[in-house]
Protein backbone atom coordinates (compact mmCIF):
# COMPACT_ATOMS: atom_id res chain seq x y z
CA UNK A 1 -15.70 -4.79 -18.05
CA UNK A 2 -12.66 -2.52 -17.97
CA UNK A 3 -9.22 -3.27 -16.53
CA UNK A 4 -7.71 -0.36 -14.62
CA UNK A 5 -3.97 -0.17 -13.98
CA UNK A 6 -2.63 2.56 -11.74
CA UNK A 7 0.42 3.56 -9.72
CA UNK A 8 0.61 5.50 -6.51
CA UNK A 9 3.22 6.49 -3.92
CA UNK A 10 2.08 5.86 -0.38
CA UNK A 11 3.87 7.21 2.69
CA UNK A 12 4.30 5.09 5.83
CA UNK A 13 5.49 6.65 9.08
CA UNK A 14 7.83 4.57 11.24
CA UNK A 15 8.33 5.49 14.89
CA UNK A 16 10.88 3.60 16.97
CA UNK A 17 12.96 4.63 19.99
CA UNK A 18 12.09 8.32 19.66
CA UNK A 19 13.09 8.30 15.99
CA UNK A 20 10.73 8.83 13.10
CA UNK A 21 11.14 8.17 9.41
CA UNK A 22 8.80 8.51 6.47
CA UNK A 23 8.97 5.51 4.17
CA UNK A 24 7.86 6.03 0.56
CA UNK A 25 6.21 2.95 -0.93
CA UNK A 26 5.60 2.57 -4.65
CA UNK A 27 2.37 0.73 -5.27
CA UNK A 28 1.23 -0.68 -8.61
CA UNK A 29 -2.30 -1.99 -8.63
CA UNK A 30 -4.80 -3.24 -11.14
CA UNK A 31 -8.40 -4.36 -11.00
CA UNK A 32 -11.39 -5.10 -13.16
CA UNK A 33 -14.18 -2.55 -13.08
CA UNK A 34 -17.78 -3.21 -14.00
CA UNK A 35 -20.63 -0.73 -13.49
CA UNK A 36 -18.59 1.38 -11.08
CA UNK A 37 -17.62 -1.51 -8.83
CA UNK A 38 -14.38 -3.41 -8.49
CA UNK A 39 -14.96 -7.04 -9.38
CA UNK A 40 -14.33 -9.38 -6.48
CA UNK A 41 -10.94 -11.08 -6.58
CA UNK A 42 -9.44 -8.91 -9.32
CA UNK A 43 -7.51 -6.37 -7.23
CA UNK A 44 -3.78 -7.09 -7.24
CA UNK A 45 -1.14 -4.99 -5.49
CA UNK A 46 2.61 -4.84 -5.95
CA UNK A 47 4.64 -2.85 -3.43
CA UNK A 48 8.21 -1.66 -3.61
CA UNK A 49 10.20 0.00 -0.84
CA UNK A 50 13.73 -0.13 0.52
CA UNK A 51 13.37 -2.60 3.38
CA UNK A 52 17.15 -3.02 3.65
CA UNK A 53 17.64 0.67 4.43
CA UNK A 54 14.82 0.65 6.98
CA UNK A 55 16.27 -2.39 8.76
CA UNK A 56 19.73 -0.79 8.74
CA UNK A 57 18.37 2.48 10.19
CA UNK A 58 16.18 0.67 12.75
CA UNK A 59 18.20 -2.47 13.64
CA UNK A 60 15.71 -3.57 16.31
CA UNK A 61 12.72 -3.57 13.93
CA UNK A 62 10.88 -6.84 13.38
CA UNK A 63 10.77 -7.44 9.61
CA UNK A 64 7.50 -9.37 9.78
CA UNK A 65 5.84 -6.58 11.78
CA UNK A 66 7.21 -4.03 9.28
CA UNK A 67 5.71 -5.99 6.37
CA UNK A 68 2.34 -6.15 8.16
CA UNK A 69 2.39 -2.42 8.95
CA UNK A 70 3.32 -1.51 5.38
CA UNK A 71 0.62 -3.79 3.97
CA UNK A 72 -2.01 -2.24 6.27
CA UNK A 73 -0.95 1.28 5.22
CA UNK A 74 -1.10 0.33 1.53
CA UNK A 75 -4.54 -1.29 1.92
CA UNK A 76 -5.94 1.83 3.65
CA UNK A 77 -4.48 4.11 0.98
CA UNK A 78 -5.88 2.00 -1.87
CA UNK A 79 -9.31 1.81 -0.23
CA UNK A 80 -9.28 5.60 0.16
CA UNK A 81 -8.11 6.07 -3.43
CA UNK A 82 -10.89 3.82 -4.76
CA UNK A 83 -13.52 5.57 -2.63
CA UNK A 84 -12.38 9.02 -3.81
CA UNK A 85 -12.50 7.75 -7.40
CA UNK A 86 -16.10 6.69 -6.89
CA UNK A 87 -15.47 2.95 -7.07
CA UNK A 88 -16.82 0.56 -4.49
CA UNK A 89 -14.67 -2.34 -3.34
CA UNK A 90 -16.22 -5.70 -2.47
């Protein structure tokens, strides 16, 4: 078993009231790898982005919805990254 630790910048596009902004999200993730597969339950993600600035720029944005959208974008990007690396995720 090998532990893999990686970092990635993911971009999330926000569209509200005919305004668009690209939000950079720093993602740190780690997982255990055995025989080319990610071990179930070992993938952990840490995200960092400037939510305060986003909420200031888009005052009508729902913070819970923003968190959900960002998390979905990060999950898709990590799944794609793992697939391109040749690792299968449980």
